Amino acid sequence: MDITTDIDPKITVDSDQVVTISIIVNELLQNAVSHAFPEEQTTPPNNVLVEGKVNDEIITMRIKDNGVGFDLDNTRPGSLGLTIIRSYVKDKLLGKLKIESTTQGTEVSFSFDQKPQH
């Protein structure tokens, strides 16, 4: 699996945000490794993009894979990974989460306010 990163160097976050972001991104990467690419899928090459952009002091992180996708309406009740992601984006970052998944892959993005750095 190839992981590509594209992080805007203008992004600045405080220590609380960086811990929260790292937990969310780690969980999403673990999900990609565990679920997106079944062993029998060898083409196309397995790719994951981790992208971070800032626009008008809103940071958007996007994790996108080209795996098999999943049915958002048919996830395991109480799925710990998705529960953690939803909770951290909403409660710790005061942000918004968007999940899209098809048989062509999954894209998860979350946006939140960039705190001013002192």
PDB file of N, CA and C in Angstrom:
ATOM      1  N   MET A   1       0.848  -1.169   0.000  1.00  0.00           N
ATOM      2  CA  MET A   1       0.000   0.000   0.000  1.00  0.00           C
ATOM      3  C   MET A   1       0.894   1.233   0.000  1.00  0.00           C
ATOM      4  N   ASP A   2       0.549   2.186  -0.857  1.00  0.00           N
ATOM      5  CA  ASP A   2       1.262   3.457  -0.918  1.00  0.00           C
ATOM      6  C   ASP A   2       0.461   4.517  -0.182  1.00  0.00           C
ATOM      7  N   ILE A   3       1.128   5.263   0.695  1.00  0.00           N
ATOM      8  CA  ILE A   3       0.502   6.371   1.398  1.00  0.00           C
ATOM      9  C   ILE A   3       1.176   7.651   0.919  1.00  0.00           C
ATOM     10  N   THR A   4       0.349   8.569   0.420  1.00  0.00           N
ATOM     11  CA  THR A   4       0.826   9.858  -0.054  1.00  0.00           C
ATOM     12  C   THR A   4       0.314  10.933   0.897  1.00  0.00           C
ATOM     13  N   THR A   5       1.167  11.884   1.230  1.00  0.00           N
ATOM     14  CA  THR A   5       0.732  12.991   2.071  1.00  0.00           C
ATOM     15  C   THR A   5       0.842  14.296   1.306  1.00  0.00           C
ATOM     16  N   ASP A   6      -0.109  15.163   1.566  1.00  0.00           N
ATOM     17  CA  ASP A   6      -0.124  16.502   0.978  1.00  0.00           C
ATOM     18  C   ASP A   6      -0.661  17.437   2.065  1.00  0.00           C
ATOM     19  N   ILE A   7       0.256  17.979   2.876  1.00  0.00           N
ATOM     20  CA  ILE A   7      -0.131  18.798   4.018  1.00  0.00           C
ATOM     21  C   ILE A   7       0.338  20.228   3.783  1.00  0.00           C
ATOM     22  N   ASP A   8      -0.599  21.156   3.840  1.00  0.00           N
ATOM     23  CA  ASP A   8      -0.299  22.574   3.656  1.00  0.00           C
ATOM     24  C   ASP A   8       0.617  23.048   4.788  1.00  0.00           C
ATOM     25  N   PRO A   9       1.786  23.603   4.468  1.00  0.00           N
ATOM     26  CA  PRO A   9       2.705  24.045   5.517  1.00  0.00           C
ATOM     27  C   PRO A   9       2.170  25.221   6.343  1.00  0.00           C
ATOM     28  N   LYS A  10       1.098  25.866   5.879  1.00  0.00           N
ATOM     29  CA  LYS A  10       0.524  26.984   6.628  1.00  0.00           C
ATOM     30  C   LYS A  10      -0.380  26.516   7.775  1.00  0.00           C
ATOM     31  N   ILE A  11      -0.602  25.219   7.873  1.00  0.00           N
ATOM     32  CA  ILE A  11      -1.430  24.705   8.964  1.00  0.00           C
ATOM     33  C   ILE A  11      -0.648  24.795  10.265  1.00  0.00           C
ATOM     34  N   THR A  12      -1.279  25.415  11.253  1.00  0.00           N
ATOM     35  CA  THR A  12      -0.726  25.425  12.604  1.00  0.00           C
ATOM     36  C   THR A  12      -1.832  24.996  13.557  1.00  0.00           C
ATOM     37  N   VAL A  13      -1.479  24.142  14.501  1.00  0.00           N
ATOM     38  CA  VAL A  13      -2.446  23.651  15.482  1.00  0.00           C
ATOM     39  C   VAL A  13      -1.792  23.672  16.857  1.00  0.00           C
ATOM     40  N   ASP A  14      -2.634  23.695  17.893  1.00  0.00           N
ATOM     41  CA  ASP A  14      -2.078  23.648  19.239  1.00  0.00           C
ATOM     42  C   ASP A  14      -1.870  22.191  19.654  1.00  0.00           C
ATOM     43  N   SER A  15      -1.303  21.988  20.824  1.00  0.00           N
ATOM     44  CA  SER A  15      -0.938  20.627  21.243  1.00  0.00           C
ATOM     45  C   SER A  15      -2.164  19.736  21.426  1.00  0.00           C
ATOM     46  N   ASP A  16      -3.273  20.288  21.911  1.00  0.00           N
ATOM     47  CA  ASP A  16      -4.490  19.480  22.049  1.00  0.00           C
ATOM     48  C   ASP A  16      -4.999  19.030  20.682  1.00  0.00           C
ATOM     49  N   GLN A  17      -4.993  19.959  19.720  1.00  0.00           N
ATOM     50  CA  GLN A  17      -5.467  19.623  18.381  1.00  0.00           C
ATOM     51  C   GLN A  17      -4.575  18.581  17.728  1.00  0.00           C
ATOM     52  N   VAL A  18      -3.263  18.712  17.868  1.00  0.00           N
ATOM     53  CA  VAL A  18      -2.369  17.773  17.188  1.00  0.00           C
ATOM     54  C   VAL A  18      -2.560  16.358  17.725  1.00  0.00           C
ATOM     55  N   VAL A  19      -2.790  16.215  19.013  1.00  0.00           N
ATOM     56  CA  VAL A  19      -3.037  14.883  19.589  1.00  0.00           C
ATOM     57  C   VAL A  19      -4.336  14.312  19.025  1.00  0.00           C
ATOM     58  N   THR A  20      -5.382  15.125  19.023  1.00  0.00           N
ATOM     59  CA  THR A  20      -6.684  14.670  18.514  1.00  0.00           C
ATOM     60  C   THR A  20      -6.601  14.302  17.034  1.00  0.00           C
ATOM     61  N   ILE A  21      -5.970  15.150  16.233  1.00  0.00           N
ATOM     62  CA  ILE A  21      -5.838  14.881  14.794  1.00  0.00           C
ATOM     63  C   ILE A  21      -5.062  13.590  14.574  1.00  0.00           C
ATOM     64  N   SER A  22      -3.996  13.389  15.328  1.00  0.00           N
ATOM     65  CA  SER A  22      -3.185  12.185  15.131  1.00  0.00           C
ATOM     66  C   SER A  22      -3.969  10.928  15.485  1.00  0.00           C
ATOM     67  N   ILE A  23      -4.796  10.989  16.510  1.00  0.00           N
ATOM     68  CA  ILE A  23      -5.625   9.827  16.875  1.00  0.00           C
ATOM     69  C   ILE A  23      -6.621   9.531  15.753  1.00  0.00           C
ATOM     70  N   ILE A  24      -7.272  10.571  15.234  1.00  0.00           N
ATOM     71  CA  ILE A  24      -8.263  10.382  14.162  1.00  0.00           C
ATOM     72  C   ILE A  24      -7.596   9.823  12.907  1.00  0.00           C
ATOM     73  N   VAL A  25      -6.499  10.437  12.469  1.00  0.00           N
ATOM     74  CA  VAL A  25      -5.820   9.983  11.250  1.00  0.00           C
ATOM     75  C   VAL A  25      -5.291   8.571  11.434  1.00  0.00           C
ATOM     76  N   ASN A  26      -4.741   8.262  12.596  1.00  0.00           N
ATOM     77  CA  ASN A  26      -4.266   6.911  12.873  1.00  0.00           C
ATOM     78  C   ASN A  26      -5.415   5.895  12.762  1.00  0.00           C
ATOM     79  N   GLU A  27      -6.547   6.215  13.327  1.00  0.00           N
ATOM     80  CA  GLU A  27      -7.707   5.314  13.269  1.00  0.00           C
ATOM     81  C   GLU A  27      -8.147   5.109  11.818  1.00  0.00           C
ATOM     82  N   LEU A  28      -8.168   6.188  11.031  1.00  0.00           N
ATOM     83  CA  LEU A  28      -8.573   6.073   9.630  1.00  0.00           C
ATOM     84  C   LEU A  28      -7.571   5.263   8.816  1.00  0.00           C
ATOM     85  N   LEU A  29      -6.283   5.428   9.085  1.00  0.00           N
ATOM     86  CA  LEU A  29      -5.273   4.625   8.390  1.00  0.00           C
ATOM     87  C   LEU A  29      -5.373   3.158   8.793  1.00  0.00           C
ATOM     88  N   GLN A  30      -5.622   2.897  10.074  1.00  0.00           N
ATOM     89  CA  GLN A  30      -5.812   1.507  10.511  1.00  0.00           C
ATOM     90  C   GLN A  30      -7.013   0.888   9.814  1.00  0.00           C
ATOM     91  N   ASN A  31      -8.092   1.658   9.669  1.00  0.00           N
ATOM     92  CA  ASN A  31      -9.274   1.152   8.965  1.00  0.00           C
ATOM     93  C   ASN A  31      -8.940   0.810   7.520  1.00  0.00           C
ATOM     94  N   ALA A  32      -8.166   1.659   6.865  1.00  0.00           N
ATOM     95  CA  ALA A  32      -7.784   1.397   5.471  1.00  0.00           C
ATOM     96  C   ALA A  32      -6.968   0.113   5.389  1.00  0.00           C
ATOM     97  N   VAL A  33      -5.993  -0.032   6.261  1.00  0.00           N
ATOM     98  CA  VAL A  33      -5.144  -1.235   6.255  1.00  0.00           C
ATOM     99  C   VAL A  33      -5.980  -2.485   6.530  1.00  0.00           C
ATOM    100  N   SER A  34      -6.889  -2.401   7.496  1.00  0.00           N
ATOM    101  CA  SER A  34      -7.661  -3.573   7.930  1.00  0.00           C
ATOM    102  C   SER A  34      -8.813  -3.938   7.003  1.00  0.00           C
ATOM    103  N   HIS A  35      -9.429  -2.930   6.365  1.00  0.00           N
ATOM    104  CA  HIS A  35     -10.687  -3.202   5.667  1.00  0.00           C
ATOM    105  C   HIS A  35     -10.726  -2.832   4.192  1.00  0.00           C
ATOM    106  N   ALA A  36      -9.941  -1.856   3.765  1.00  0.00           N
ATOM    107  CA  ALA A  36     -10.107  -1.325   2.406  1.00  0.00           C
ATOM    108  C   ALA A  36      -9.544  -2.230   1.323  1.00  0.00           C
ATOM    109  N   PHE A  37      -8.516  -2.994   1.672  1.00  0.00           N
ATOM    110  CA  PHE A  37      -7.809  -3.745   0.644  1.00  0.00           C
ATOM    111  C   PHE A  37      -7.742  -5.229   0.983  1.00  0.00           C
ATOM    112  N   PRO A  38      -8.758  -5.995   0.578  1.00  0.00           N
ATOM    113  CA  PRO A  38      -8.690  -7.444   0.801  1.00  0.00           C
ATOM    114  C   PRO A  38      -7.466  -8.028   0.095  1.00  0.00           C
ATOM    115  N   GLU A  39      -6.936  -9.098   0.635  1.00  0.00           N
ATOM    116  CA  GLU A  39      -5.707  -9.689   0.077  1.00  0.00           C
ATOM    117  C   GLU A  39      -5.810 -10.005  -1.404  1.00  0.00           C
ATOM    118  N   GLU A  40      -7.013 -10.376  -1.850  1.00  0.00           N
ATOM    119  CA  GLU A  40      -7.153 -10.752  -3.256  1.00  0.00           C
ATOM    120  C   GLU A  40      -7.166  -9.535  -4.190  1.00  0.00           C
ATOM    121  N   GLN A  41      -7.316  -8.319  -3.649  1.00  0.00           N
ATOM    122  CA  GLN A  41      -7.318  -7.122  -4.496  1.00  0.00           C
ATOM    123  C   GLN A  41      -5.887  -6.647  -4.696  1.00  0.00           C
ATOM    124  N   THR A  42      -5.385  -6.833  -5.901  1.00  0.00           N
ATOM    125  CA  THR A  42      -4.015  -6.391  -6.194  1.00  0.00           C
ATOM    126  C   THR A  42      -3.973  -5.306  -7.258  1.00  0.00           C
ATOM    127  N   THR A  43      -5.066  -5.108  -7.979  1.00  0.00           N
ATOM    128  CA  THR A  43      -5.115  -4.017  -8.960  1.00  0.00           C
ATOM    129  C   THR A  43      -6.377  -3.224  -8.719  1.00  0.00           C
ATOM    130  N   PRO A  44      -6.422  -1.932  -8.838  1.00  0.00           N
ATOM    131  CA  PRO A  44      -5.249  -1.096  -9.056  1.00  0.00           C
ATOM    132  C   PRO A  44      -4.362  -1.092  -7.817  1.00  0.00           C
ATOM    133  N   PRO A  45      -3.192  -0.479  -7.912  1.00  0.00           N
ATOM    134  CA  PRO A  45      -2.347  -0.412  -6.723  1.00  0.00           C
ATOM    135  C   PRO A  45      -3.113   0.226  -5.561  1.00  0.00           C
ATOM    136  N   ASN A  46      -2.895  -0.286  -4.369  1.00  0.00           N
ATOM    137  CA  ASN A  46      -3.587   0.198  -3.178  1.00  0.00           C
ATOM    138  C   ASN A  46      -2.973   1.526  -2.746  1.00  0.00           C
ATOM    139  N   ASN A  47      -3.793   2.575  -2.779  1.00  0.00           N
ATOM    140  CA  ASN A  47      -3.317   3.917  -2.460  1.00  0.00           C
ATOM    141  C   ASN A  47      -4.158   4.566  -1.377  1.00  0.00           C
ATOM    142  N   VAL A  48      -3.492   5.323  -0.513  1.00  0.00           N
ATOM    143  CA  VAL A  48      -4.165   6.145   0.490  1.00  0.00           C
ATOM    144  C   VAL A  48      -3.551   7.543   0.415  1.00  0.00           C
ATOM    145  N   LEU A  49      -4.422   8.546   0.416  1.00  0.00           N
ATOM    146  CA  LEU A  49      -3.990   9.934   0.422  1.00  0.00           C
ATOM    147  C   LEU A  49      -4.354  10.554   1.764  1.00  0.00           C
ATOM    148  N   VAL A  50      -3.398  11.207   2.395  1.00  0.00           N
ATOM    149  CA  VAL A  50      -3.650  11.996   3.608  1.00  0.00           C
ATOM    150  C   VAL A  50      -3.375  13.443   3.220  1.00  0.00           C
ATOM    151  N   GLU A  51      -4.423  14.259   3.272  1.00  0.00           N
ATOM    152  CA  GLU A  51      -4.314  15.634   2.796  1.00  0.00           C
ATOM    153  C   GLU A  51      -4.765  16.589   3.897  1.00  0.00           C
ATOM    154  N   GLY A  52      -4.061  17.686   4.038  1.00  0.00           N
ATOM    155  CA  GLY A  52      -4.445  18.731   4.975  1.00  0.00           C
ATOM    156  C   GLY A  52      -4.369  20.079   4.294  1.00  0.00           C
ATOM    157  N   LYS A  53      -5.472  20.802   4.337  1.00  0.00           N
ATOM    158  CA  LYS A  53      -5.543  22.125   3.702  1.00  0.00           C
ATOM    159  C   LYS A  53      -6.094  23.127   4.702  1.00  0.00           C
ATOM    160  N   VAL A  54      -5.718  24.380   4.543  1.00  0.00           N
ATOM    161  CA  VAL A  54      -6.285  25.450   5.362  1.00  0.00           C
ATOM    162  C   VAL A  54      -6.796  26.530   4.423  1.00  0.00           C
ATOM    163  N   ASN A  55      -8.022  27.006   4.701  1.00  0.00           N
ATOM    164  CA  ASN A  55      -8.650  28.035   3.887  1.00  0.00           C
ATOM    165  C   ASN A  55      -9.509  28.897   4.811  1.00  0.00           C
ATOM    166  N   ASP A  56      -9.218  30.186   4.871  1.00  0.00           N
ATOM    167  CA  ASP A  56      -9.944  31.102   5.757  1.00  0.00           C
ATOM    168  C   ASP A  56     -10.002  30.588   7.189  1.00  0.00           C
ATOM    169  N   GLU A  57      -8.866  30.110   7.677  1.00  0.00           N
ATOM    170  CA  GLU A  57      -8.697  29.621   9.042  1.00  0.00           C
ATOM    171  C   GLU A  57      -9.556  28.392   9.366  1.00  0.00           C
ATOM    172  N   ILE A  58      -9.999  27.694   8.323  1.00  0.00           N
ATOM    173  CA  ILE A  58     -10.669  26.402   8.490  1.00  0.00           C
ATOM    174  C   ILE A  58      -9.716  25.338   7.960  1.00  0.00           C
ATOM    175  N   ILE A  59      -9.364  24.386   8.828  1.00  0.00           N
ATOM    176  CA  ILE A  59      -8.496  23.285   8.426  1.00  0.00           C
ATOM    177  C   ILE A  59      -9.377  22.120   7.996  1.00  0.00           C
ATOM    178  N   THR A  60      -9.048  21.537   6.861  1.00  0.00           N
ATOM    179  CA  THR A  60      -9.743  20.332   6.398  1.00  0.00           C
ATOM    180  C   THR A  60      -8.718  19.233   6.191  1.00  0.00           C
ATOM    181  N   MET A  61      -8.933  18.141   6.880  1.00  0.00           N
ATOM    182  CA  MET A  61      -8.115  16.939   6.715  1.00  0.00           C
ATOM    183  C   MET A  61      -8.939  15.949   5.906  1.00  0.00           C
ATOM    184  N   ARG A  62      -8.262  15.286   4.963  1.00  0.00           N
ATOM    185  CA  ARG A  62      -8.957  14.316   4.104  1.00  0.00           C
ATOM    186  C   ARG A  62      -8.095  13.069   4.001  1.00  0.00           C
ATOM    187  N   ILE A  63      -8.731  11.927   4.231  1.00  0.00           N
ATOM    188  CA  ILE A  63      -8.064  10.639   4.078  1.00  0.00           C
ATOM    189  C   ILE A  63      -8.892   9.868   3.054  1.00  0.00           C
ATOM    190  N   LYS A  64      -8.244   9.522   1.949  1.00  0.00           N
ATOM    191  CA  LYS A  64      -8.957   8.889   0.833  1.00  0.00           C
ATOM    192  C   LYS A  64      -8.203   7.648   0.394  1.00  0.00           C
ATOM    193  N   ASP A  65      -8.943   6.550   0.197  1.00  0.00           N
ATOM    194  CA  ASP A  65      -8.325   5.332  -0.321  1.00  0.00           C
ATOM    195  C   ASP A  65      -9.068   4.873  -1.569  1.00  0.00           C
ATOM    196  N   ASN A  66      -8.452   3.976  -2.307  1.00  0.00           N
ATOM    197  CA  ASN A  66      -9.094   3.413  -3.503  1.00  0.00           C
ATOM    198  C   ASN A  66      -9.441   1.948  -3.270  1.00  0.00           C
ATOM    199  N   GLY A  67      -9.858   1.651  -2.043  1.00  0.00           N
ATOM    200  CA  GLY A  67     -10.200   0.282  -1.659  1.00  0.00           C
ATOM    201  C   GLY A  67     -11.613  -0.109  -2.057  1.00  0.00           C
ATOM    202  N   VAL A  68     -12.121  -1.141  -1.401  1.00  0.00           N
ATOM    203  CA  VAL A  68     -13.402  -1.736  -1.762  1.00  0.00           C
ATOM    204  C   VAL A  68     -14.602  -0.969  -1.223  1.00  0.00           C
ATOM    205  N   GLY A  69     -14.382  -0.023  -0.285  1.00  0.00           N
ATOM    206  CA  GLY A  69     -15.484   0.750   0.273  1.00  0.00           C
ATOM    207  C   GLY A  69     -16.317  -0.068   1.239  1.00  0.00           C
ATOM    208  N   PHE A  70     -17.324   0.587   1.805  1.00  0.00           N
ATOM    209  CA  PHE A  70     -18.234  -0.091   2.722  1.00  0.00           C
ATOM    210  C   PHE A  70     -19.570   0.618   2.698  1.00  0.00           C
ATOM    211  N   ASP A  71     -20.595  -0.063   3.186  1.00  0.00           N
ATOM    212  CA  ASP A  71     -21.948   0.475   3.224  1.00  0.00           C
ATOM    213  C   ASP A  71     -22.104   1.277   4.512  1.00  0.00           C
ATOM    214  N   LEU A  72     -22.218   2.580   4.384  1.00  0.00           N
ATOM    215  CA  LEU A  72     -22.338   3.449   5.562  1.00  0.00           C
ATOM    216  C   LEU A  72     -23.568   3.137   6.393  1.00  0.00           C
ATOM    217  N   ASP A  73     -24.626   2.622   5.749  1.00  0.00           N
ATOM    218  CA  ASP A  73     -25.857   2.306   6.469  1.00  0.00           C
ATOM    219  C   ASP A  73     -25.820   0.932   7.121  1.00  0.00           C
ATOM    220  N   ASN A  74     -24.734   0.207   6.903  1.00  0.00           N
ATOM    221  CA  ASN A  74     -24.664  -1.164   7.412  1.00  0.00           C
ATOM    222  C   ASN A  74     -23.360  -1.388   8.179  1.00  0.00           C
ATOM    223  N   THR A  75     -22.991  -0.397   8.998  1.00  0.00           N
ATOM    224  CA  THR A  75     -21.791  -0.572   9.821  1.00  0.00           C
ATOM    225  C   THR A  75     -22.182  -1.270  11.112  1.00  0.00           C
ATOM    226  N   ARG A  76     -21.220  -1.904  11.722  1.00  0.00           N
ATOM    227  CA  ARG A  76     -21.464  -2.620  12.959  1.00  0.00           C
ATOM    228  C   ARG A  76     -21.945  -1.645  14.032  1.00  0.00           C
ATOM    229  N   PRO A  77     -23.080  -1.918  14.683  1.00  0.00           N
ATOM    230  CA  PRO A  77     -23.547  -1.012  15.733  1.00  0.00           C
ATOM    231  C   PRO A  77     -22.467  -0.849  16.808  1.00  0.00           C
ATOM    232  N   GLY A  78     -22.244   0.392  17.183  1.00  0.00           N
ATOM    233  CA  GLY A  78     -21.250   0.657  18.214  1.00  0.00           C
ATOM    234  C   GLY A  78     -19.824   0.454  17.750  1.00  0.00           C
ATOM    235  N   SER A  79     -19.616   0.490  16.440  1.00  0.00           N
ATOM    236  CA  SER A  79     -18.264   0.338  15.895  1.00  0.00           C
ATOM    237  C   SER A  79     -17.344   1.326  16.594  1.00  0.00           C
ATOM    238  N   LEU A  80     -16.378   0.802  17.332  1.00  0.00           N
ATOM    239  CA  LEU A  80     -15.535   1.642  18.170  1.00  0.00           C
ATOM    240  C   LEU A  80     -14.750   2.658  17.357  1.00  0.00           C
ATOM    241  N   GLY A  81     -14.192   2.229  16.229  1.00  0.00           N
ATOM    242  CA  GLY A  81     -13.403   3.147  15.411  1.00  0.00           C
ATOM    243  C   GLY A  81     -14.206   4.340  14.936  1.00  0.00           C
ATOM    244  N   LEU A  82     -15.371   4.098  14.346  1.00  0.00           N
ATOM    245  CA  LEU A  82     -16.197   5.207  13.871  1.00  0.00           C
ATOM    246  C   LEU A  82     -16.729   6.046  15.021  1.00  0.00           C
ATOM    247  N   THR A  83     -17.024   5.402  16.147  1.00  0.00           N
ATOM    248  CA  THR A  83     -17.489   6.137  17.326  1.00  0.00           C
ATOM    249  C   THR A  83     -16.416   7.097  17.813  1.00  0.00           C
ATOM    250  N   ILE A  84     -15.178   6.627  17.882  1.00  0.00           N
ATOM    251  CA  ILE A  84     -14.066   7.484  18.305  1.00  0.00           C
ATOM    252  C   ILE A  84     -13.908   8.652  17.332  1.00  0.00           C
ATOM    253  N   ILE A  85     -13.908   8.363  16.050  1.00  0.00           N
ATOM    254  CA  ILE A  85     -13.729   9.405  15.038  1.00  0.00           C
ATOM    255  C   ILE A  85     -14.830  10.457  15.152  1.00  0.00           C
ATOM    256  N   ARG A  86     -16.081  10.013  15.189  1.00  0.00           N
ATOM    257  CA  ARG A  86     -17.203  10.967  15.276  1.00  0.00           C
ATOM    258  C   ARG A  86     -17.112  11.809  16.544  1.00  0.00           C
ATOM    259  N   SER A  87     -16.825  11.171  17.657  1.00  0.00           N
ATOM    260  CA  SER A  87     -16.748  11.863  18.939  1.00  0.00           C
ATOM    261  C   SER A  87     -15.615  12.878  18.962  1.00  0.00           C
ATOM    262  N   TYR A  88     -14.443  12.486  18.502  1.00  0.00           N
ATOM    263  CA  TYR A  88     -13.293  13.383  18.548  1.00  0.00           C
ATOM    264  C   TYR A  88     -13.479  14.590  17.635  1.00  0.00           C
ATOM    265  N   VAL A  89     -14.026  14.367  16.454  1.00  0.00           N
ATOM    266  CA  VAL A  89     -14.249  15.494  15.541  1.00  0.00           C
ATOM    267  C   VAL A  89     -15.261  16.457  16.154  1.00  0.00           C
ATOM    268  N   LYS A  90     -16.351  15.925  16.668  1.00  0.00           N
ATOM    269  CA  LYS A  90     -17.425  16.772  17.201  1.00  0.00           C
ATOM    270  C   LYS A  90     -17.044  17.417  18.525  1.00  0.00           C
ATOM    271  N   ASP A  91     -16.581  16.622  19.484  1.00  0.00           N
ATOM    272  CA  ASP A  91     -16.398  17.101  20.855  1.00  0.00           C
ATOM    273  C   ASP A  91     -15.043  17.760  21.106  1.00  0.00           C
ATOM    274  N   LYS A  92     -13.994  17.255  20.503  1.00  0.00           N
ATOM    275  CA  LYS A  92     -12.659  17.791  20.783  1.00  0.00           C
ATOM    276  C   LYS A  92     -12.230  18.870  19.793  1.00  0.00           C
ATOM    277  N   LEU A  93     -12.601  18.697  18.515  1.00  0.00           N
ATOM    278  CA  LEU A  93     -12.232  19.693  17.515  1.00  0.00           C
ATOM    279  C   LEU A  93     -13.365  20.676  17.215  1.00  0.00           C
ATOM    280  N   LEU A  94     -14.577  20.378  17.727  1.00  0.00           N
ATOM    281  CA  LEU A  94     -15.766  21.181  17.428  1.00  0.00           C
ATOM    282  C   LEU A  94     -15.930  21.318  15.919  1.00  0.00           C
ATOM    283  N   GLY A  95     -15.690  20.204  15.228  1.00  0.00           N
ATOM    284  CA  GLY A  95     -15.673  20.219  13.777  1.00  0.00           C
ATOM    285  C   GLY A  95     -16.798  19.437  13.142  1.00  0.00           C
ATOM    286  N   LYS A  96     -16.682  19.287  11.836  1.00  0.00           N
ATOM    287  CA  LYS A  96     -17.672  18.569  11.033  1.00  0.00           C
ATOM    288  C   LYS A  96     -16.984  17.412  10.331  1.00  0.00           C
ATOM    289  N   LEU A  97     -17.687  16.296  10.256  1.00  0.00           N
ATOM    290  CA  LEU A  97     -17.179  15.068   9.660  1.00  0.00           C
ATOM    291  C   LEU A  97     -18.016  14.713   8.447  1.00  0.00           C
ATOM    292  N   LYS A  98     -17.341  14.240   7.389  1.00  0.00           N
ATOM    293  CA  LYS A  98     -18.030  13.788   6.180  1.00  0.00           C
ATOM    294  C   LYS A  98     -17.403  12.464   5.760  1.00  0.00           C
ATOM    295  N   ILE A  99     -18.246  11.441   5.557  1.00  0.00           N
ATOM    296  CA  ILE A  99     -17.777  10.131   5.129  1.00  0.00           C
ATOM    297  C   ILE A  99     -18.523   9.747   3.856  1.00  0.00           C
ATOM    298  N   GLU A 100     -17.768   9.410   2.819  1.00  0.00           N
ATOM    299  CA  GLU A 100     -18.348   8.924   1.574  1.00  0.00           C
ATOM    300  C   GLU A 100     -17.632   7.636   1.203  1.00  0.00           C
ATOM    301  N   SER A 101     -18.410   6.625   0.823  1.00  0.00           N
ATOM    302  CA  SER A 101     -17.799   5.359   0.458  1.00  0.00           C
ATOM    303  C   SER A 101     -18.574   4.697  -0.666  1.00  0.00           C
ATOM    304  N   THR A 102     -17.820   4.220  -1.661  1.00  0.00           N
ATOM    305  CA  THR A 102     -18.392   3.478  -2.779  1.00  0.00           C
ATOM    306  C   THR A 102     -17.490   2.274  -3.023  1.00  0.00           C
ATOM    307  N   THR A 103     -17.817   1.497  -4.010  1.00  0.00           N
ATOM    308  CA  THR A 103     -16.963   0.364  -4.364  1.00  0.00           C
ATOM    309  C   THR A 103     -15.635   0.828  -4.959  1.00  0.00           C
ATOM    310  N   GLN A 104     -15.495   2.130  -5.191  1.00  0.00           N
ATOM    311  CA  GLN A 104     -14.255   2.696  -5.723  1.00  0.00           C
ATOM    312  C   GLN A 104     -13.342   3.235  -4.620  1.00  0.00           C
ATOM    313  N   GLY A 105     -13.821   3.181  -3.371  1.00  0.00           N
ATOM    314  CA  GLY A 105     -12.993   3.650  -2.268  1.00  0.00           C
ATOM    315  C   GLY A 105     -13.774   4.455  -1.249  1.00  0.00           C
ATOM    316  N   THR A 106     -13.059   4.894  -0.236  1.00  0.00           N
ATOM    317  CA  THR A 106     -13.654   5.644   0.863  1.00  0.00           C
ATOM    318  C   THR A 106     -12.912   6.958   1.035  1.00  0.00           C
ATOM    319  N   GLU A 107     -13.678   8.011   1.308  1.00  0.00           N
ATOM    320  CA  GLU A 107     -13.104   9.322   1.587  1.00  0.00           C
ATOM    321  C   GLU A 107     -13.722   9.855   2.870  1.00  0.00           C
ATOM    322  N   VAL A 108     -12.870  10.176   3.814  1.00  0.00           N
ATOM    323  CA  VAL A 108     -13.306  10.757   5.079  1.00  0.00           C
ATOM    324  C   VAL A 108     -12.633  12.111   5.196  1.00  0.00           C
ATOM    325  N   SER A 109     -13.431  13.140   5.455  1.00  0.00           N
ATOM    326  CA  SER A 109     -12.848  14.460   5.676  1.00  0.00           C
ATOM    327  C   SER A 109     -13.455  15.060   6.934  1.00  0.00           C
ATOM    328  N   PHE A 110     -12.644  15.849   7.609  1.00  0.00           N
ATOM    329  CA  PHE A 110     -13.153  16.579   8.768  1.00  0.00           C
ATOM    330  C   PHE A 110     -12.550  17.968   8.762  1.00  0.00           C
ATOM    331  N   SER A 111     -13.393  18.932   9.129  1.00  0.00           N
ATOM    332  CA  SER A 111     -13.002  20.334   9.103  1.00  0.00           C
ATOM    333  C   SER A 111     -13.227  20.939  10.476  1.00  0.00           C
ATOM    334  N   PHE A 112     -12.346  21.885  10.826  1.00  0.00           N
ATOM    335  CA  PHE A 112     -12.439  22.540  12.129  1.00  0.00           C
ATOM    336  C   PHE A 112     -11.697  23.868  12.068  1.00  0.00           C
ATOM    337  N   ASP A 113     -11.985  24.735  13.027  1.00  0.00           N
ATOM    338  CA  ASP A 113     -11.348  26.049  13.076  1.00  0.00           C
ATOM    339  C   ASP A 113      -9.899  25.936  13.503  1.00  0.00           C
ATOM    340  N   GLN A 114      -9.061  26.677  12.799  1.00  0.00           N
ATOM    341  CA  GLN A 114      -7.658  26.783  13.185  1.00  0.00           C
ATOM    342  C   GLN A 114      -7.581  27.780  14.331  1.00  0.00           C
ATOM    343  N   LYS A 115      -7.054  27.356  15.449  1.00  0.00           N
ATOM    344  CA  LYS A 115      -6.937  28.257  16.593  1.00  0.00           C
ATOM    345  C   LYS A 115      -5.768  29.196  16.363  1.00  0.00           C
ATOM    346  N   PRO A 116      -5.928  30.447  16.787  1.00  0.00           N
ATOM    347  CA  PRO A 116      -4.791  31.366  16.644  1.00  0.00           C
ATOM    348  C   PRO A 116      -3.629  30.911  17.519  1.00  0.00           C
ATOM    349  N   GLN A 117      -2.424  31.024  16.985  1.00  0.00           N
ATOM    350  CA  GLN A 117      -1.237  30.619  17.732  1.00  0.00           C
ATOM    351  C   GLN A 117      -0.619  31.838  18.387  1.00  0.00           C
ATOM    352  N   HIS A 118      -0.282  31.704  19.647  1.00  0.00           N
ATOM    353  CA  HIS A 118       0.316  32.828  20.396  1.00  0.00           C
ATOM    354  C   HIS A 118       1.791  32.627  20.555  1.00  0.00           C
TER     355      HIS A 118
END
